[in-house]
Amino acid sequence: MLKTSLGQRQCAAATLAAALTTFGGVAVAAEGGPQPLQLNLAPPVTEIARQIYDLHSMMLIICLVIFVAVFGVMFYSIFAHRKSKGAKPATFHESTTVEIIWTVVPFLIVIGMALPATKTVVAMKDTSNADLTIKATGYQWKWGYDYLAGEGEGISFLSNLSTPRDEINNHDGQGKPKDDAYLMEVDQPLVVPVDKKIRIVTTASDVIHSWSVPAFGVKQDAIPGFVRDTWFKADKPGTYRGFCSELCGKEHAFMPIVVIVKTQPEYDAWVKTKLTEMQAKMDDPTKVWTKEDLVARGEKVFNSNCAACHQASGQGIPGAFPALVGSQVVLGPEAEQIHILLNGRNGKMPAWKQLSDVEIASVITYTRNAWTNAGQGKDPVVQPSAVTAAR
């Protein structure tokens, strides 16, 4: 309970900070994200979200009525039966009528709240007959999406926070205002068609994450070693945002979720473009790459996946993440570094098997030739074929 509460508070704080960035004194908000001075739930765009919204409103009204009734009677009794008016306390010990009333009335209230809530919860769990099935895998700290069934089957990509690290660390210029999508934008959003039932299968590779998009009424934990699922059916095209809502580590506030809902023709075009793009980018692990090409490719992979922990300078974070500059692993034989990237180490360094052989070879080559490591160690160039063999 405490872990969930802390995670939700950190997520809420990051969301609020992102939404209330100001420019020229006017609060702005990213499309699909929290709005300035927003007090209620996100505007619903699915039937489940609308039911949740209505349940929230109904229960708030019930609680308000109970509050007014109870405290109204209490304050009236204090005022009308005060000692200064000569009121005498009742001498009865118990009343069967009162006992029945304060048992039956709360029971009826609870039943009246539970019936519609149960109907909604059951509907939330019905993931059958989906038009599209997508697996969402939580990583520290990004989301991986794999289109498993339906139109777009075979599409796979990682979705990373796209806010520049210099902007997060306030190294982008003193006084420069944050972008309106600060901490809420990704390099590759999830794309789905409108008016189609989308089943989201969640899991995680390291710690517990949670896939949450308030406008859809969706929040599903992603647990390592387990497969959970949820669904949504958006009835309005647009951009919708969420966050990992389970405290998952130091970068918890930096793994947003962005879902773009497109019309069917637009989605068809996106699928065609994405599959063509994936085919064009498909790397041949048997190809012999030049050092320059591997370093250039590796720098991009490092900045997207490794810089959060090891820092862009390769200096790491003392006591938490080791420095890569001067590291005996980085400067030693390639086999050990390949093994660590594929399998992880000591529960702190996660496995990176989701990266391709070319990406792993390129990032290793980059770390061996970046900063002051250049020319200092063994095996300065690691070919993808070595990673393929190690798998």
Protein backbone atom coordinates (compact mmCIF):
# COMPACT_ATOMS: atom_id res chain seq x y z
CA MET A 1 0.00 0.00 0.00
CA LEU A 2 2.79 2.43 0.95
CA LYS A 3 4.73 1.60 -2.22
CA THR A 4 1.71 2.30 -4.41
CA SER A 5 0.94 5.53 -2.55
CA LEU A 6 4.49 6.83 -2.92
CA GLY A 7 4.57 5.86 -6.61
CA GLN A 8 1.29 7.60 -7.28
CA ARG A 9 2.46 10.73 -5.46
CA GLN A 10 5.72 10.88 -7.39
CA CYS A 11 3.86 10.29 -10.65
CA ALA A 12 1.32 12.99 -9.74
CA ALA A 13 4.09 15.43 -8.87
CA ALA A 14 5.86 14.83 -12.19
CA THR A 15 2.58 15.14 -14.08
CA LEU A 16 1.66 18.37 -12.30
CA ALA A 17 5.09 19.85 -12.92
CA ALA A 18 4.82 18.97 -16.58
CA ALA A 19 1.30 20.30 -16.94
CA LEU A 20 1.78 23.59 -15.15
CA THR A 21 4.89 24.77 -16.95
CA THR A 22 4.47 28.44 -17.69
CA PHE A 23 5.42 30.64 -20.58
CA GLY A 24 4.97 34.36 -20.26
CA GLY A 25 2.94 33.82 -17.08
CA VAL A 26 0.30 31.71 -18.86
CA ALA A 27 -0.08 28.08 -17.82
CA VAL A 28 0.05 25.63 -20.71
CA ALA A 29 -0.41 21.88 -20.98
CA ALA A 30 0.53 19.19 -23.46
CA GLU A 31 -2.22 17.79 -25.64
CA GLY A 32 -3.89 14.88 -23.90
CA GLY A 33 -2.21 15.62 -20.57
CA PRO A 34 -3.44 17.23 -17.33
CA GLN A 35 -4.82 20.73 -17.80
CA PRO A 36 -3.95 23.81 -15.71
CA LEU A 37 -6.05 23.98 -12.54
CA GLN A 38 -7.72 20.67 -13.39
CA LEU A 39 -9.58 19.38 -10.32
CA ASN A 40 -11.50 16.39 -11.64
CA LEU A 41 -10.60 13.18 -13.46
CA ALA A 42 -9.31 13.26 -17.04
CA PRO A 43 -12.11 13.71 -19.62
CA PRO A 44 -13.10 10.12 -20.51
CA VAL A 45 -12.83 8.82 -24.08
CA THR A 46 -13.84 5.20 -23.44
CA GLU A 47 -17.04 3.68 -22.06
CA ILE A 48 -15.17 2.23 -19.07
CA ALA A 49 -13.64 5.62 -18.27
CA ARG A 50 -17.09 7.21 -18.43
CA GLN A 51 -18.45 4.62 -16.01
CA ILE A 52 -15.54 5.27 -13.66
CA TYR A 53 -16.20 9.02 -13.92
CA ASP A 54 -19.90 8.53 -13.13
CA LEU A 55 -19.10 6.20 -10.21
CA HIS A 56 -16.67 8.76 -8.85
CA SER A 57 -19.30 11.50 -9.07
CA MET A 58 -22.06 9.31 -7.59
CA MET A 59 -19.96 8.22 -4.61
CA LEU A 60 -18.75 11.77 -4.01
CA ILE A 61 -22.38 12.93 -3.86
CA ILE A 62 -23.32 10.06 -1.51
CA CYS A 63 -20.42 10.91 0.79
CA LEU A 64 -21.39 14.58 0.71
CA VAL A 65 -25.03 13.80 1.59
CA ILE A 66 -23.93 11.53 4.46
CA PHE A 67 -21.50 14.21 5.68
CA VAL A 68 -24.18 16.92 5.65
CA ALA A 69 -26.78 14.66 7.29
CA VAL A 70 -24.54 13.36 10.07
CA PHE A 71 -22.91 16.66 10.94
CA GLY A 72 -26.22 18.50 10.52
CA VAL A 73 -27.91 16.29 13.10
CA MET A 74 -24.86 16.49 15.36
CA PHE A 75 -24.63 20.31 15.30
CA TYR A 76 -28.41 20.67 15.65
CA SER A 77 -28.36 18.38 18.70
CA ILE A 78 -25.49 20.36 20.23
CA PHE A 79 -27.33 23.63 19.66
CA ALA A 80 -30.91 22.61 20.49
CA HIS A 81 -30.11 20.43 23.50
CA ARG A 82 -27.37 22.43 25.16
CA LYS A 83 -27.15 22.66 28.96
CA SER A 84 -27.82 26.41 29.00
CA LYS A 85 -31.36 25.74 27.76
CA GLY A 86 -31.96 23.29 30.57
CA ALA A 87 -31.77 20.15 28.40
CA LYS A 88 -31.52 16.90 30.32
CA PRO A 89 -29.70 13.84 28.92
CA ALA A 90 -31.86 10.87 27.93
CA THR A 91 -31.83 7.96 30.33
CA PHE A 92 -32.51 5.11 27.89
CA HIS A 93 -29.71 2.56 27.52
CA GLU A 94 -30.46 1.12 24.13
CA SER A 95 -33.08 1.22 21.37
CA THR A 96 -33.87 -1.69 19.09
CA THR A 97 -35.30 0.69 16.50
CA VAL A 98 -32.13 2.78 16.38
CA GLU A 99 -29.98 -0.37 16.17
CA ILE A 100 -31.99 -1.61 13.18
CA ILE A 101 -31.91 1.76 11.42
CA TRP A 102 -28.15 2.29 11.71
CA THR A 103 -27.53 -1.27 10.51
CA VAL A 104 -29.99 -1.41 7.61
CA VAL A 105 -29.39 2.07 6.18
CA PRO A 106 -25.56 1.71 5.80
CA PHE A 107 -26.10 -1.78 4.37
CA LEU A 108 -28.43 -0.41 1.70
CA ILE A 109 -25.99 2.40 0.93
CA VAL A 110 -23.10 -0.03 0.49
CA ILE A 111 -25.18 -2.31 -1.75
CA GLY A 112 -26.25 0.71 -3.82
CA MET A 113 -22.59 1.64 -4.33
CA ALA A 114 -21.30 -1.90 -4.85
CA LEU A 115 -23.70 -3.02 -7.60
CA PRO A 116 -22.70 -0.46 -10.28
CA ALA A 117 -19.05 -0.65 -9.21
CA THR A 118 -19.04 -4.45 -9.59
CA LYS A 119 -20.58 -4.15 -13.04
CA THR A 120 -17.80 -1.80 -14.12
CA VAL A 121 -15.01 -3.92 -12.59
CA VAL A 122 -16.30 -7.03 -14.39
CA ALA A 123 -16.41 -5.11 -17.69
CA MET A 124 -12.84 -3.87 -17.11
CA LYS A 125 -11.61 -7.46 -16.91
CA ASP A 126 -13.34 -8.66 -20.08
CA THR A 127 -10.49 -8.69 -22.62
CA SER A 128 -12.14 -11.17 -24.98
CA ASN A 129 -12.77 -10.54 -28.70
CA ALA A 130 -10.07 -7.89 -29.02
CA ASP A 131 -9.40 -6.37 -32.44
CA LEU A 132 -5.75 -5.72 -31.62
CA THR A 133 -3.44 -7.22 -29.00
CA ILE A 134 -0.33 -5.35 -27.88
CA LYS A 135 2.23 -6.40 -25.28
CA ALA A 136 3.53 -3.55 -23.09
CA THR A 137 6.78 -4.42 -21.30
CA GLY A 138 8.10 -2.19 -18.56
CA TYR A 139 11.83 -1.57 -18.39
CA GLN A 140 13.88 0.68 -16.14
CA TRP A 141 12.91 3.20 -17.48
CA LYS A 142 11.00 2.92 -20.72
CA TRP A 143 8.19 0.93 -22.34
CA GLY A 144 8.51 -1.71 -25.03
CA TYR A 145 5.57 -2.41 -27.35
CA ASP A 146 5.02 -5.55 -29.43
CA TYR A 147 1.97 -5.87 -31.67
CA LEU A 148 1.01 -9.52 -31.18
CA ALA A 149 -2.26 -9.92 -33.08
CA GLY A 150 -4.42 -7.87 -35.40
CA GLU A 151 -3.50 -5.24 -37.95
CA GLY A 152 0.10 -4.25 -37.36
CA GLU A 153 1.18 -7.67 -36.11
CA GLY A 154 4.97 -7.83 -36.03
CA ILE A 155 5.55 -4.16 -35.19
CA SER A 156 7.90 -3.77 -32.24
CA PHE A 157 9.66 -0.76 -30.74
CA LEU A 158 10.89 0.88 -27.53
CA SER A 159 9.26 4.09 -26.29
CA ASN A 160 11.69 6.40 -24.48
CA LEU A 161 11.26 9.76 -22.81
CA SER A 162 12.23 12.35 -25.42
CA THR A 163 12.81 15.31 -23.10
CA PRO A 164 16.54 16.05 -23.48
CA ARG A 165 18.67 15.09 -20.50
CA ASP A 166 20.21 18.59 -20.47
CA GLU A 167 16.73 20.08 -20.08
CA ILE A 168 15.95 17.74 -17.17
CA ASN A 169 19.22 18.67 -15.46
CA ASN A 170 18.69 22.39 -16.20
CA HIS A 171 21.86 22.53 -18.28
CA ASP A 172 20.12 23.93 -21.35
CA GLY A 173 20.49 27.59 -20.54
CA GLN A 174 19.63 29.63 -17.46
CA GLY A 175 16.05 30.83 -17.40
CA LYS A 176 14.93 28.89 -20.47
CA PRO A 177 11.28 27.82 -20.01
CA LYS A 178 10.35 24.16 -20.14
CA ASP A 179 8.52 22.82 -23.16
CA ASP A 180 4.79 22.28 -22.62
CA ALA A 181 5.35 18.52 -23.02
CA TYR A 182 8.20 18.47 -20.49
CA LEU A 183 8.58 14.91 -19.13
CA MET A 184 5.43 13.88 -21.02
CA GLU A 185 6.69 13.24 -24.55
CA VAL A 186 8.24 10.09 -26.03
CA ASP A 187 10.24 9.36 -29.15
CA GLN A 188 7.87 6.59 -30.32
CA PRO A 189 4.26 6.71 -29.07
CA LEU A 190 1.87 3.77 -29.10
CA VAL A 191 -0.50 4.10 -32.07
CA VAL A 192 -3.94 2.44 -32.22
CA PRO A 193 -7.10 2.79 -34.34
CA VAL A 194 -10.26 4.49 -33.08
CA ASP A 195 -13.39 2.46 -32.19
CA LYS A 196 -11.43 -0.81 -31.94
CA LYS A 197 -11.03 -2.95 -28.84
CA ILE A 198 -7.35 -2.87 -27.89
CA ARG A 199 -6.06 -5.54 -25.50
CA ILE A 200 -2.92 -4.56 -23.61
CA VAL A 201 -0.88 -7.45 -22.20
CA THR A 202 1.49 -6.18 -19.51
CA THR A 203 4.69 -7.60 -18.07
CA ALA A 204 8.07 -6.30 -16.93
CA SER A 205 11.71 -7.26 -17.26
CA ASP A 206 13.06 -5.98 -13.94
CA VAL A 207 10.76 -4.48 -11.28
CA ILE A 208 7.05 -3.77 -10.97
CA HIS A 209 5.78 -1.05 -13.30
CA SER A 210 2.21 0.05 -14.03
CA TRP A 211 0.70 0.97 -17.41
CA SER A 212 -1.79 3.77 -16.82
CA VAL A 213 -3.73 6.14 -19.09
CA PRO A 214 -6.40 8.07 -17.12
CA ALA A 215 -8.49 9.08 -20.15
CA PHE A 216 -8.97 5.37 -20.97
CA GLY A 217 -9.77 4.35 -17.40
CA VAL A 218 -6.83 1.95 -17.55
CA LYS A 219 -4.25 1.14 -14.87
CA GLN A 220 -2.63 -2.31 -14.96
CA ASP A 221 0.48 -3.42 -13.08
CA ALA A 222 3.32 -4.92 -15.12
CA ILE A 223 4.99 -7.58 -12.96
CA PRO A 224 8.19 -9.50 -13.81
CA GLY A 225 7.45 -13.15 -14.52
CA PHE A 226 3.68 -12.59 -14.77
CA VAL A 227 1.34 -11.64 -17.61
CA ARG A 228 -1.62 -9.38 -16.85
CA ASP A 229 -4.01 -7.78 -19.32
CA THR A 230 -6.45 -4.91 -19.68
CA TRP A 231 -8.27 -3.22 -22.57
CA PHE A 232 -9.69 0.00 -23.91
CA LYS A 233 -11.74 1.17 -26.86
CA ALA A 234 -11.21 4.86 -27.58
CA ASP A 235 -14.07 6.56 -29.39
CA LYS A 236 -12.25 9.81 -30.17
CA PRO A 237 -9.02 10.31 -32.14
CA GLY A 238 -6.32 12.27 -30.39
CA THR A 239 -3.26 12.09 -28.16
CA TYR A 240 -3.62 10.69 -24.65
CA ARG A 241 -0.97 10.59 -21.95
CA GLY A 242 -0.17 8.66 -18.82
CA PHE A 243 2.74 7.61 -16.63
CA CYS A 244 4.12 4.53 -14.99
CA SER A 245 2.16 4.71 -11.72
CA GLU A 246 4.19 2.25 -9.66
CA LEU A 247 7.35 3.40 -7.91
CA CYS A 248 10.00 1.62 -9.98
CA GLY A 249 13.29 3.36 -9.24
CA LYS A 250 15.17 6.63 -9.57
CA GLU A 251 13.82 7.40 -13.05
CA HIS A 252 10.21 6.49 -12.18
CA ALA A 253 8.95 9.96 -13.07
CA PHE A 254 10.70 9.79 -16.45
CA MET A 255 8.80 6.96 -18.20
CA PRO A 256 5.64 8.52 -19.65
CA ILE A 257 3.05 6.76 -21.79
CA VAL A 258 1.77 8.42 -24.96
CA VAL A 259 -1.02 6.83 -27.02
CA ILE A 260 -2.10 8.31 -30.34
CA VAL A 261 -5.56 7.22 -31.48
CA LYS A 262 -5.94 7.52 -35.25
CA THR A 263 -8.80 7.08 -37.67
CA GLN A 264 -8.77 3.74 -39.47
CA PRO A 265 -7.32 5.11 -42.75
CA GLU A 266 -4.62 6.97 -40.82
CA TYR A 267 -3.82 3.85 -38.81
CA ASP A 268 -3.60 1.74 -41.98
CA ALA A 269 -1.11 4.21 -43.41
CA TRP A 270 0.90 4.22 -40.15
CA VAL A 271 1.10 0.42 -40.09
CA LYS A 272 2.32 0.31 -43.68
CA THR A 273 4.93 3.00 -43.02
CA LYS A 274 6.08 1.39 -39.76
CA LEU A 275 6.50 -2.07 -41.27
CA THR A 276 8.44 -0.60 -44.20
CA GLU A 277 10.60 1.37 -41.77
CA MET A 278 11.31 -1.71 -39.67
CA GLN A 279 12.25 -3.71 -42.74
CA ALA A 280 14.61 -0.97 -43.89
CA LYS A 281 16.24 -0.77 -40.47
CA MET A 282 16.59 -4.50 -40.05
CA ASP A 283 20.26 -5.05 -39.39
CA ASP A 284 22.26 -7.98 -40.69
CA PRO A 285 24.27 -9.35 -37.73
CA THR A 286 26.65 -11.09 -40.14
CA LYS A 287 27.71 -7.81 -41.71
CA VAL A 288 31.17 -6.52 -40.79
CA TRP A 289 30.79 -2.94 -39.61
CA THR A 290 33.40 -0.22 -39.59
CA LYS A 291 34.50 1.27 -36.30
CA GLU A 292 33.15 4.69 -37.26
CA ASP A 293 29.68 3.34 -38.09
CA LEU A 294 29.51 1.32 -34.86
CA VAL A 295 30.57 4.30 -32.73
CA ALA A 296 28.02 6.60 -34.37
CA ARG A 297 25.24 4.03 -33.92
CA GLY A 298 26.39 3.21 -30.40
CA GLU A 299 26.26 6.81 -29.22
CA LYS A 300 22.54 6.97 -30.06
CA VAL A 301 21.87 3.65 -28.31
CA PHE A 302 23.84 4.77 -25.26
CA ASN A 303 22.00 8.10 -24.93
CA SER A 304 18.60 6.38 -25.24
CA ASN A 305 19.25 3.47 -22.89
CA CYS A 306 22.36 3.90 -20.74
CA ALA A 307 22.91 7.60 -20.04
CA ALA A 308 20.21 7.74 -17.35
CA CYS A 309 22.35 5.60 -15.03
CA HIS A 310 25.92 5.85 -16.30
CA GLN A 311 25.55 9.54 -17.31
CA ALA A 312 26.36 11.00 -20.72
CA SER A 313 29.91 11.59 -19.51
CA GLY A 314 30.33 7.91 -18.59
CA GLN A 315 31.12 8.87 -14.97
CA GLY A 316 28.17 6.99 -13.47
CA ILE A 317 26.67 7.82 -10.06
CA PRO A 318 28.98 7.06 -7.11
CA GLY A 319 27.51 4.40 -4.86
CA ALA A 320 24.77 3.53 -7.30
CA PHE A 321 25.96 3.06 -10.88
CA PRO A 322 29.61 2.42 -11.78
CA ALA A 323 31.63 4.67 -14.05
CA LEU A 324 32.39 3.38 -17.54
CA VAL A 325 35.37 5.65 -17.90
CA GLY A 326 38.40 3.54 -16.98
CA SER A 327 36.20 0.51 -16.20
CA GLN A 328 38.09 -2.78 -16.28
CA VAL A 329 35.04 -4.41 -17.88
CA VAL A 330 34.90 -1.82 -20.67
CA LEU A 331 38.66 -1.90 -21.21
CA GLY A 332 38.92 -5.69 -20.88
CA PRO A 333 38.07 -8.55 -23.27
CA GLU A 334 34.80 -8.16 -25.15
CA ALA A 335 33.30 -11.45 -23.91
CA GLU A 336 32.62 -10.24 -20.35
CA GLN A 337 30.97 -6.99 -21.43
CA ILE A 338 28.78 -8.82 -23.94
CA HIS A 339 27.78 -11.29 -21.22
CA ILE A 340 26.81 -8.49 -18.83
CA LEU A 341 24.69 -6.69 -21.42
CA LEU A 342 22.88 -9.87 -22.38
CA ASN A 343 22.32 -11.26 -18.88
CA GLY A 344 22.60 -8.37 -16.45
CA ARG A 345 24.70 -8.32 -13.29
CA ASN A 346 24.08 -8.45 -9.51
CA GLY A 347 20.44 -7.49 -9.89
CA LYS A 348 21.44 -3.84 -10.48
CA MET A 349 22.47 -3.94 -14.13
CA PRO A 350 19.42 -5.18 -16.10
CA ALA A 351 19.66 -7.55 -19.05
CA TRP A 352 19.41 -5.85 -22.44
CA LYS A 353 18.42 -8.80 -24.60
CA GLN A 354 15.62 -6.71 -26.09
CA LEU A 355 18.27 -4.79 -28.05
CA SER A 356 19.42 -6.21 -31.37
CA ASP A 357 22.87 -7.72 -31.83
CA VAL A 358 23.93 -4.68 -33.84
CA GLU A 359 22.72 -2.29 -31.12
CA ILE A 360 24.58 -4.17 -28.38
CA ALA A 361 27.77 -4.41 -30.46
CA SER A 362 27.58 -0.73 -31.34
CA VAL A 363 27.05 0.49 -27.77
CA ILE A 364 29.93 -1.66 -26.53
CA THR A 365 32.16 -0.29 -29.27
CA TYR A 366 31.07 3.24 -28.37
CA THR A 367 31.94 2.83 -24.67
CA ARG A 368 35.35 1.43 -25.61
CA ASN A 369 36.14 4.43 -27.82
CA ALA A 370 34.42 7.30 -26.01
CA TRP A 371 35.77 9.73 -23.41
CA THR A 372 39.29 8.76 -22.26
CA ASN A 373 38.76 5.06 -23.01
CA ALA A 374 39.86 5.43 -26.62
CA GLY A 375 43.01 3.45 -27.28
CA GLN A 376 43.26 2.22 -23.67
CA GLY A 377 41.82 -1.29 -23.74
CA LYS A 378 41.42 -4.52 -25.63
CA ASP A 379 38.99 -5.25 -28.46
CA PRO A 380 38.11 -1.64 -29.38
CA VAL A 381 35.72 -2.87 -32.08
CA VAL A 382 33.05 -5.48 -31.30
CA GLN A 383 31.19 -6.97 -34.25
CA PRO A 384 27.50 -8.02 -34.07
CA SER A 385 28.50 -11.59 -34.92
CA ALA A 386 30.23 -11.85 -31.52
CA VAL A 387 26.97 -10.90 -29.78
CA THR A 388 25.02 -13.40 -31.89
CA ALA A 389 27.42 -16.15 -30.84
CA ALA A 390 27.14 -15.16 -27.16
CA ARG A 391 23.33 -15.37 -27.19
